[in-house]
Protein backbone atom coordinates (compact mmCIF):
# COMPACT_ATOMS: atom_id res chain seq x y z
CA MET A 1 206.42 57.59 -83.61
CA VAL A 2 206.51 53.84 -82.77
CA SER A 3 205.81 51.83 -85.86
CA SER A 4 202.73 49.56 -85.75
CA PHE A 5 203.21 45.88 -85.28
CA ILE A 6 202.65 43.18 -87.84
CA LEU A 7 199.81 41.06 -86.38
CA SER A 8 199.57 37.34 -87.02
CA LEU A 9 198.42 34.21 -85.37
CA ALA A 10 200.68 32.23 -83.04
CA VAL A 11 202.45 29.60 -85.00
CA PRO A 12 202.71 26.09 -83.57
CA ALA A 13 205.75 25.52 -81.23
CA SER A 14 207.24 22.87 -83.57
CA LEU A 15 207.12 25.18 -86.55
CA ALA A 16 208.47 28.18 -84.67
CA ALA A 17 211.40 26.18 -83.31
CA GLN A 18 212.39 25.13 -86.89
CA GLN A 19 212.40 28.66 -88.29
CA PRO A 20 215.28 31.16 -87.75
CA ASP A 21 214.25 33.99 -85.53
CA LYS A 22 214.98 37.19 -87.50
CA ASP A 23 214.11 39.20 -84.44
CA ALA A 24 216.80 37.63 -82.32
CA ASN A 25 219.37 40.29 -82.83
CA TRP A 26 219.24 41.93 -79.35
CA LEU A 27 222.24 43.30 -77.59
CA THR A 28 223.86 40.89 -75.10
CA THR A 29 225.87 43.47 -73.27
CA PRO A 30 224.39 45.47 -70.38
CA ASN A 31 223.39 49.07 -71.13
CA ASN A 32 225.33 51.43 -68.88
CA PRO A 33 223.63 54.73 -68.18
CA SER A 34 225.68 57.91 -67.79
CA PRO A 35 227.27 58.35 -64.33
CA ALA A 36 226.28 62.08 -64.55
CA PRO A 37 223.78 63.30 -62.01
CA LEU A 38 220.11 63.10 -63.04
CA PRO A 39 218.61 66.56 -64.03
CA VAL A 40 216.96 68.56 -61.22
CA ILE A 41 214.02 70.85 -61.80
CA GLN A 42 214.01 73.11 -58.73
CA ASP A 43 210.28 74.13 -59.00
CA ALA A 44 208.99 70.75 -60.00
CA THR A 45 205.80 69.68 -58.02
CA PRO A 46 203.86 66.38 -57.82
CA GLY A 47 200.90 68.23 -59.40
CA ASP A 48 197.19 67.62 -58.81
CA GLY A 49 197.17 70.20 -56.01
CA LEU A 50 199.52 68.09 -53.93
CA THR A 51 201.94 70.06 -51.66
CA LEU A 52 205.16 68.87 -50.09
CA GLN A 53 206.35 69.29 -46.53
CA PRO A 54 208.52 72.37 -45.75
CA GLY A 55 212.17 71.69 -46.76
CA ALA A 56 211.34 69.09 -49.40
CA ARG A 57 213.33 69.53 -52.64
CA ASN A 58 213.47 67.99 -56.02
CA ALA A 59 215.98 65.10 -56.33
CA PHE A 60 215.54 64.79 -60.06
CA SER A 61 212.95 65.14 -62.84
CA LEU A 62 212.90 63.24 -66.12
CA VAL A 63 210.35 64.73 -68.55
CA MET A 64 209.96 62.77 -71.75
CA GLY A 65 208.61 63.14 -75.32
CA THR A 66 209.60 65.11 -78.40
CA LYS A 67 206.47 67.25 -78.06
CA VAL A 68 205.99 67.34 -74.35
CA ALA A 69 206.43 70.74 -72.76
CA GLY A 70 209.61 71.12 -70.76
CA ALA A 71 210.98 67.69 -71.79
CA ASN A 72 214.60 67.02 -71.07
CA MET A 73 214.65 63.61 -72.71
CA LEU A 74 213.97 63.96 -76.48
CA ASN A 75 215.25 60.86 -78.24
CA SER A 76 215.77 57.12 -77.86
CA GLN A 77 219.39 57.48 -77.04
CA SER A 78 218.43 59.58 -73.95
CA ILE A 79 216.69 56.46 -72.63
CA ARG A 80 220.01 54.64 -72.73
CA ASP A 81 221.77 57.49 -71.23
CA ARG A 82 219.47 57.67 -68.16
CA PHE A 83 218.42 54.09 -67.43
CA PHE A 84 219.76 50.64 -67.01
CA LEU A 85 217.96 48.25 -69.38
CA ASN A 86 218.35 45.15 -67.32
CA TYR A 87 217.88 44.02 -63.71
CA LEU A 88 220.72 43.94 -61.18
CA THR A 89 222.42 40.64 -61.93
CA GLY A 90 222.26 37.87 -64.46
CA ASP A 91 223.74 36.47 -67.64
CA LEU A 92 222.66 38.61 -70.57
CA HIS A 93 224.30 36.11 -73.09
CA LYS A 94 221.53 33.70 -72.58
CA ALA A 95 218.25 33.95 -74.38
CA ILE A 96 216.45 32.87 -71.09
CA GLY A 97 218.56 33.83 -68.22
CA GLY A 98 218.06 34.39 -64.48
CA PRO A 99 215.04 36.30 -63.17
CA MET A 100 217.17 39.31 -61.98
CA ASP A 101 218.51 39.57 -65.52
CA ASN A 102 215.43 39.56 -67.65
CA GLY A 103 212.48 39.78 -65.39
CA GLN A 104 211.33 36.28 -66.06
CA ALA A 105 211.04 34.25 -62.93
CA ASN A 106 209.13 31.43 -64.28
CA ASN A 107 208.14 30.49 -67.87
CA ASN A 108 204.74 29.40 -66.67
CA THR A 109 204.09 32.88 -65.33
CA PHE A 110 205.88 35.27 -67.52
CA ALA A 111 206.00 35.05 -71.30
CA ALA A 112 208.19 38.09 -71.81
CA VAL A 113 211.99 38.28 -71.68
CA ALA A 114 213.55 41.67 -71.35
CA ARG A 115 215.68 42.56 -74.34
CA HIS A 116 217.28 45.64 -75.80
CA TYR A 117 218.20 46.59 -79.32
CA ARG A 118 220.31 49.34 -80.94
CA VAL A 119 218.76 52.71 -81.50
CA GLY A 120 217.05 52.71 -84.95
CA ASP A 121 216.71 48.87 -85.12
CA PRO A 122 213.14 48.02 -86.45
CA ASN A 123 212.59 45.91 -83.38
CA ASP A 124 213.79 48.58 -80.84
CA LEU A 125 211.63 48.23 -77.77
CA HIS A 126 212.81 51.41 -76.05
CA VAL A 127 211.53 54.28 -78.25
CA MET A 128 211.08 58.07 -77.52
CA ALA A 129 207.97 59.32 -79.34
CA ALA A 130 206.04 62.62 -79.34
CA ASP A 131 204.04 61.79 -76.19
CA GLY A 132 206.71 60.08 -74.11
CA MET A 133 208.88 57.02 -73.64
CA HIS A 134 207.30 53.96 -75.23
CA LEU A 135 208.31 50.58 -73.62
CA ARG A 136 207.07 47.99 -76.08
CA ALA A 137 206.64 44.21 -76.24
CA MET A 138 206.40 41.87 -79.24
CA CYS A 139 206.15 38.21 -80.03
CA SER A 140 209.29 36.68 -81.63
CA HIS A 141 209.59 35.06 -85.07
CA GLY A 142 207.99 37.93 -86.99
CA ARG A 143 205.54 38.65 -84.17
CA SER A 144 204.07 35.19 -84.42
CA ASP A 145 205.62 33.22 -81.58
CA CYS A 146 204.02 34.22 -78.30
CA ARG A 147 204.99 31.19 -76.16
CA PRO A 148 206.56 31.77 -72.75
CA GLY A 149 210.14 32.86 -73.21
CA HIS A 150 209.58 34.02 -76.79
CA VAL A 151 208.09 37.44 -76.23
CA TRP A 152 210.71 40.30 -76.32
CA ALA A 153 209.99 43.30 -74.05
CA ALA A 154 211.39 46.52 -72.78
CA MET A 155 212.23 47.54 -69.25
CA VAL A 156 214.03 50.41 -67.54
CA ARG A 157 215.61 50.65 -64.11
CA LEU A 158 216.50 54.03 -62.69
CA PRO A 159 220.05 54.47 -61.18
CA PHE A 160 218.73 56.27 -58.10
CA GLU A 161 218.53 55.22 -54.47
CA TRP A 162 215.12 55.17 -52.85
CA ARG A 163 214.57 55.17 -49.12
CA PRO A 164 211.89 56.23 -46.53
CA GLY A 165 211.34 59.93 -46.51
CA MET A 166 211.02 60.30 -50.24
CA THR A 167 208.22 60.86 -52.76
CA LEU A 168 207.97 59.44 -56.29
CA LYS A 169 205.86 60.48 -59.27
CA VAL A 170 205.30 58.53 -62.55
CA ARG A 171 203.05 60.04 -65.09
CA TYR A 172 202.10 57.42 -67.71
CA ARG A 173 199.45 55.76 -69.89
CA SER A 174 198.93 52.03 -69.28
CA PRO A 175 198.77 49.44 -72.11
CA LYS A 176 195.46 48.65 -73.85
CA GLY A 177 195.78 44.88 -74.40
CA ASP A 178 194.05 42.33 -72.24
CA HIS A 179 197.27 40.32 -71.87
CA SER A 180 199.47 43.21 -71.11
CA TRP A 181 201.51 43.39 -67.96
CA ALA A 182 203.65 46.52 -67.33
CA PRO A 183 204.46 46.82 -63.62
CA ILE A 184 205.82 49.91 -61.90
CA TRP A 185 207.59 48.67 -58.80
CA MET A 186 210.68 48.83 -56.59
CA PHE A 187 213.03 46.02 -55.57
CA SER A 188 215.70 46.03 -52.93
CA GLY A 189 219.28 46.79 -53.94
CA GLN A 190 220.99 49.46 -56.04
CA GLN A 191 223.67 49.88 -58.70
CA VAL A 192 226.04 52.78 -59.44
CA PRO A 193 226.67 53.28 -63.17
CA PRO A 194 230.24 52.42 -64.05
CA PRO A 195 232.45 54.85 -66.04
CA PRO A 196 232.14 54.76 -69.81
CA GLY A 197 233.08 51.29 -71.01
CA GLY A 198 233.30 49.99 -67.52
CA ASP A 199 231.92 46.72 -66.18
CA PRO A 200 228.52 47.23 -64.38
CA TYR A 201 229.17 44.06 -62.29
CA HIS A 202 232.66 44.98 -61.17
CA GLY A 203 233.60 43.38 -57.92
CA PHE A 204 230.19 41.76 -57.67
CA GLY A 205 229.80 40.24 -54.22
CA GLY A 206 232.92 42.03 -52.89
CA PRO A 207 233.53 45.25 -50.83
CA ASP A 208 234.10 47.32 -53.95
CA ALA A 209 231.06 46.18 -55.88
CA LEU A 210 228.94 48.61 -57.91
CA VAL A 211 225.90 46.44 -57.13
CA ARG A 212 224.50 46.50 -53.64
CA LEU A 213 222.16 43.75 -52.53
CA GLY A 214 220.38 43.22 -49.22
CA HIS A 215 217.21 41.68 -47.87
CA ALA A 216 215.02 40.79 -50.86
CA PHE A 217 211.67 42.68 -50.78
CA GLU A 218 209.58 44.76 -53.13
CA ILE A 219 207.07 47.58 -53.30
CA ASP A 220 204.46 47.43 -56.04
CA TRP A 221 203.41 50.95 -56.84
CA ASN A 222 201.07 49.64 -59.55
CA ASP A 223 201.59 46.09 -60.70
CA ASN A 224 199.35 46.86 -63.73
CA PHE A 225 198.47 43.24 -64.55
CA PRO A 226 194.97 42.76 -65.99
CA ARG A 227 192.06 41.60 -64.04
CA VAL A 228 189.86 40.80 -67.12
CA GLY A 229 189.02 37.41 -65.52
CA GLU A 230 187.41 39.23 -62.53
CA GLY A 231 185.35 41.48 -64.72
CA VAL A 232 187.60 44.51 -64.66
CA PRO A 233 188.42 45.99 -68.08
CA THR A 234 192.03 46.54 -69.03
CA GLY A 235 193.18 49.91 -67.92
CA TYR A 236 191.00 50.14 -64.78
CA GLN A 237 193.19 48.16 -62.52
CA VAL A 238 195.48 49.38 -59.62
CA ASP A 239 197.49 46.82 -57.73
CA PHE A 240 199.53 48.21 -54.82
CA GLY A 241 201.23 46.39 -51.95
CA THR A 242 204.37 45.03 -50.28
CA PRO A 243 204.06 41.29 -50.87
CA ASP A 244 205.57 38.98 -48.35
CA THR A 245 207.11 36.55 -50.71
CA TYR A 246 210.87 36.70 -50.11
CA ARG A 247 211.17 35.12 -46.54
CA THR A 248 212.07 38.48 -45.06
CA LYS A 249 211.70 38.41 -41.22
CA TRP A 250 209.35 41.08 -40.18
CA GLN A 251 208.29 42.09 -36.67
CA ILE A 252 204.91 42.83 -38.22
CA LYS A 253 204.17 41.57 -41.70
CA PRO A 254 203.25 44.02 -44.45
CA HIS A 255 199.57 44.79 -44.71
CA ALA A 256 197.20 47.50 -45.92
CA VAL A 257 195.90 49.93 -43.30
CA TYR A 258 193.67 51.96 -45.59
CA TYR A 259 192.12 51.60 -48.98
CA ALA A 260 189.54 53.63 -50.68
CA ASN A 261 186.00 52.50 -50.06
CA ALA A 262 183.23 51.85 -52.56
CA ASP A 263 182.51 55.56 -52.93
CA GLY A 264 184.07 55.84 -56.44
CA TRP A 265 186.44 52.95 -56.13
CA ARG A 266 185.87 49.21 -55.83
CA TYR A 267 188.16 47.18 -53.66
CA TYR A 268 189.00 43.48 -54.24
CA HIS A 269 190.40 41.53 -51.19
CA GLN A 270 193.65 40.09 -52.31
CA ALA A 271 197.06 39.59 -50.73
CA VAL A 272 197.84 43.06 -51.90
CA ALA A 273 195.41 45.94 -52.33
CA PHE A 274 193.62 45.83 -55.65
CA GLU A 275 191.35 48.68 -56.71
CA ARG A 276 189.19 49.39 -59.81
CA THR A 277 189.69 52.94 -60.99
CA PRO A 278 186.76 55.16 -62.19
CA PHE A 279 188.67 55.90 -65.35
CA ASP A 280 190.48 54.10 -68.17
CA TRP A 281 194.22 54.51 -67.56
CA SER A 282 194.97 53.12 -71.03
CA ALA A 283 192.99 56.03 -72.61
CA GLY A 284 195.12 58.89 -71.29
CA PHE A 285 197.93 60.00 -68.86
CA HIS A 286 197.45 60.01 -65.14
CA ASP A 287 199.69 60.68 -62.13
CA LEU A 288 200.88 57.87 -59.86
CA VAL A 289 202.58 59.15 -56.70
CA GLY A 290 204.23 57.08 -54.13
CA ASN A 291 204.75 58.76 -50.66
CA TRP A 292 207.22 56.72 -48.54
CA ARG A 293 206.77 58.41 -45.17
CA GLY A 294 209.95 59.30 -43.28
CA ASP A 295 208.44 59.74 -39.91
CA GLY A 296 209.17 56.19 -38.65
CA SER A 297 205.57 55.06 -39.11
CA ASN A 298 206.55 52.44 -41.76
CA LEU A 299 203.69 53.63 -43.93
CA ILE A 300 203.64 53.94 -47.71
CA ASP A 301 200.92 55.94 -49.54
CA LEU A 302 199.70 55.61 -53.10
CA LEU A 303 198.05 58.58 -54.63
CA ILE A 304 196.41 58.80 -58.02
CA ASP A 305 195.63 62.17 -59.56
CA GLY A 306 195.95 63.79 -56.15
CA LYS A 307 193.70 61.34 -54.26
CA LEU A 308 195.06 58.87 -51.58
CA VAL A 309 193.88 55.37 -52.66
CA VAL A 310 195.98 52.99 -50.45
CA THR A 311 198.26 53.22 -47.37
CA SER A 312 200.36 50.15 -46.60
CA TYR A 313 202.46 49.26 -43.60
CA MET A 314 205.98 47.88 -44.37
CA GLU A 315 209.02 47.80 -42.15
CA TYR A 316 212.21 48.82 -44.01
CA PRO A 317 214.78 46.03 -43.47
CA GLN A 318 217.92 48.19 -43.30
CA ALA A 319 220.80 46.01 -44.42
CA THR A 320 224.00 48.11 -44.36
CA TYR A 321 227.28 48.26 -46.24
CA VAL A 322 230.38 50.44 -46.15
CA ASP A 323 230.53 52.56 -49.28
CA PRO A 324 234.05 52.41 -50.68
CA ALA A 325 233.72 55.73 -52.28
CA ASP A 326 233.55 57.68 -49.03
CA GLY A 327 233.98 55.09 -46.30
CA ARG A 328 230.55 55.72 -44.83
CA ARG A 329 228.13 53.07 -43.72
CA LYS A 330 224.80 53.24 -45.55
CA THR A 331 221.63 51.42 -45.76
CA VAL A 332 220.96 49.37 -48.93
CA ALA A 333 218.31 51.32 -50.92
CA MET A 334 215.74 50.26 -53.50
CA HIS A 335 215.52 50.82 -57.26
CA LEU A 336 212.59 51.82 -59.48
CA ILE A 337 211.77 49.44 -62.31
CA ILE A 338 209.17 49.92 -65.12
CA GLY A 339 208.92 46.83 -67.26
CA ASN A 340 206.98 44.84 -69.70
CA GLN A 341 206.25 41.39 -68.63
CA ALA A 342 203.51 40.54 -71.19
CA ILE A 343 202.12 37.86 -71.31
CA PRO A 344 201.10 36.77 -67.75
CA GLY A 345 200.43 33.06 -67.87
CA PHE A 346 197.53 33.37 -65.39
CA SER A 347 195.69 35.79 -67.67
CA PRO A 348 192.63 33.99 -69.09
CA GLY A 349 193.20 33.00 -72.77
CA ALA A 350 196.86 33.86 -72.65
CA ARG A 351 197.84 30.58 -74.32
CA ASN A 352 196.10 31.71 -77.39
CA ALA A 353 197.16 35.33 -77.34
CA HIS A 354 198.22 37.07 -80.57
CA ASP A 355 200.95 39.77 -80.74
CA ASN A 356 199.90 42.85 -78.84
CA ASP A 357 196.37 41.33 -78.54
CA GLY A 358 195.71 42.44 -82.11
CA ILE A 359 195.97 46.12 -81.05
CA ALA A 360 198.64 48.42 -82.42
CA ASP A 361 201.22 48.75 -79.49
CA GLY A 362 198.62 47.02 -77.27
CA TRP A 363 201.31 45.90 -74.85
CA THR A 364 203.04 49.34 -74.67
CA ILE A 365 203.33 51.49 -71.60
CA VAL A 366 204.02 55.11 -72.33
CA VAL A 367 205.86 57.17 -69.66
CA GLN A 368 205.92 61.03 -69.74
CA GLU A 369 207.49 61.81 -66.38
CA ILE A 370 209.44 60.20 -63.53
CA SER A 371 210.25 62.68 -60.73
CA GLY A 372 211.49 62.25 -57.14
CA TRP A 373 211.76 64.50 -54.11
CA TYR A 374 213.61 64.40 -50.83
CA GLY A 375 210.71 64.88 -48.52
CA ASN A 376 207.11 63.82 -48.32
CA ILE A 377 203.55 64.92 -49.25
CA ALA A 378 202.04 67.24 -46.64
CA HIS A 379 199.05 65.73 -44.70
CA PRO A 380 198.44 62.76 -46.94
CA ASP A 381 195.64 61.37 -44.80
CA ARG A 382 193.46 64.43 -45.63
CA LEU A 383 193.55 63.31 -49.27
CA ARG A 384 191.80 60.03 -48.80
CA ALA A 385 189.33 59.15 -51.53
CA SER A 386 186.42 58.22 -49.28
CA ALA A 387 183.14 59.48 -48.06
CA GLU A 388 184.45 60.39 -44.58
CA ASN A 389 186.15 63.60 -45.85
CA GLY A 390 184.19 64.31 -49.01
CA VAL A 391 187.08 63.63 -51.29
CA HIS A 392 186.01 61.71 -54.40
CA PRO A 393 188.20 60.33 -57.20
């Protein structure tokens, strides 16, 4: 199991700067997952009564936890074997690098910097436990320095290509801390794992690159940042959308076309769809399913425990490249990221936050399953969580 954190008050910045950081022994080389195909479970289903369209098939299923039935990831090394532990590009030799390296776009917004340690290190942030994969965050300098850029955190990025016409499932338990931020999202681009000992940035920017970048855009399956300042307890928030923040040229800008009404869910009007769930996601595991329709409608559905909560419109900017492996022209895909970006600077009281908000593993997200299918959910609109069809969350 994940060891509990040592909780202490945040030390003054001047004092922290003078003390050696005994936690600063993270690895500065990229983690390269195995180039072997991800495991397929032929009869895997999205669960919660959801059915897939005829012809849909499992693309992969990762089931995690030493005591989870049917798990095929059983130890912390398996996390390294299946995931990248950094973003697509960046300088991992710098304590504070570029945003695509460490998930930190601005010190005023993100306190956490993605870091990874060797398996067995007492500060290891990627730990397999009985109930799943624990992605942790901790303040540096003996869990005492929680200033921006001084919080070390875990993240994983799946080496799999996502495009329209696919379905994604993530079963997880969200963090408990009020200053936690553990988003589940996708960003444009992809990366093929290199051979053992190879350079993951080989040929970067050239025709033989292992990294493929295109138009910059994202899909937030659940941004998971707290809304305590708006009266929503931690664990009850769902933030889904396709934010228009990257200067991508759309014919029609991304927008929500459906969100669950007040019959069991409460909607907050924001740039992206924000719902308050009727349950505490930090108290137990729930299923988050993304249904990226492949019918040309440009619609993306978010389902929680089998109920359709949000449908968003987003055109898919299809930048293309010629794959040197087979000479075929392909569209740049997207990659799934689950990260830990505690502490969000805009969270009320974040300046005075303590390590993990004083809760053992208070900033930890626990993931039990990540599965994907080629194909979509059948008749998703019939699953809307609203009064019009009698479906209630």
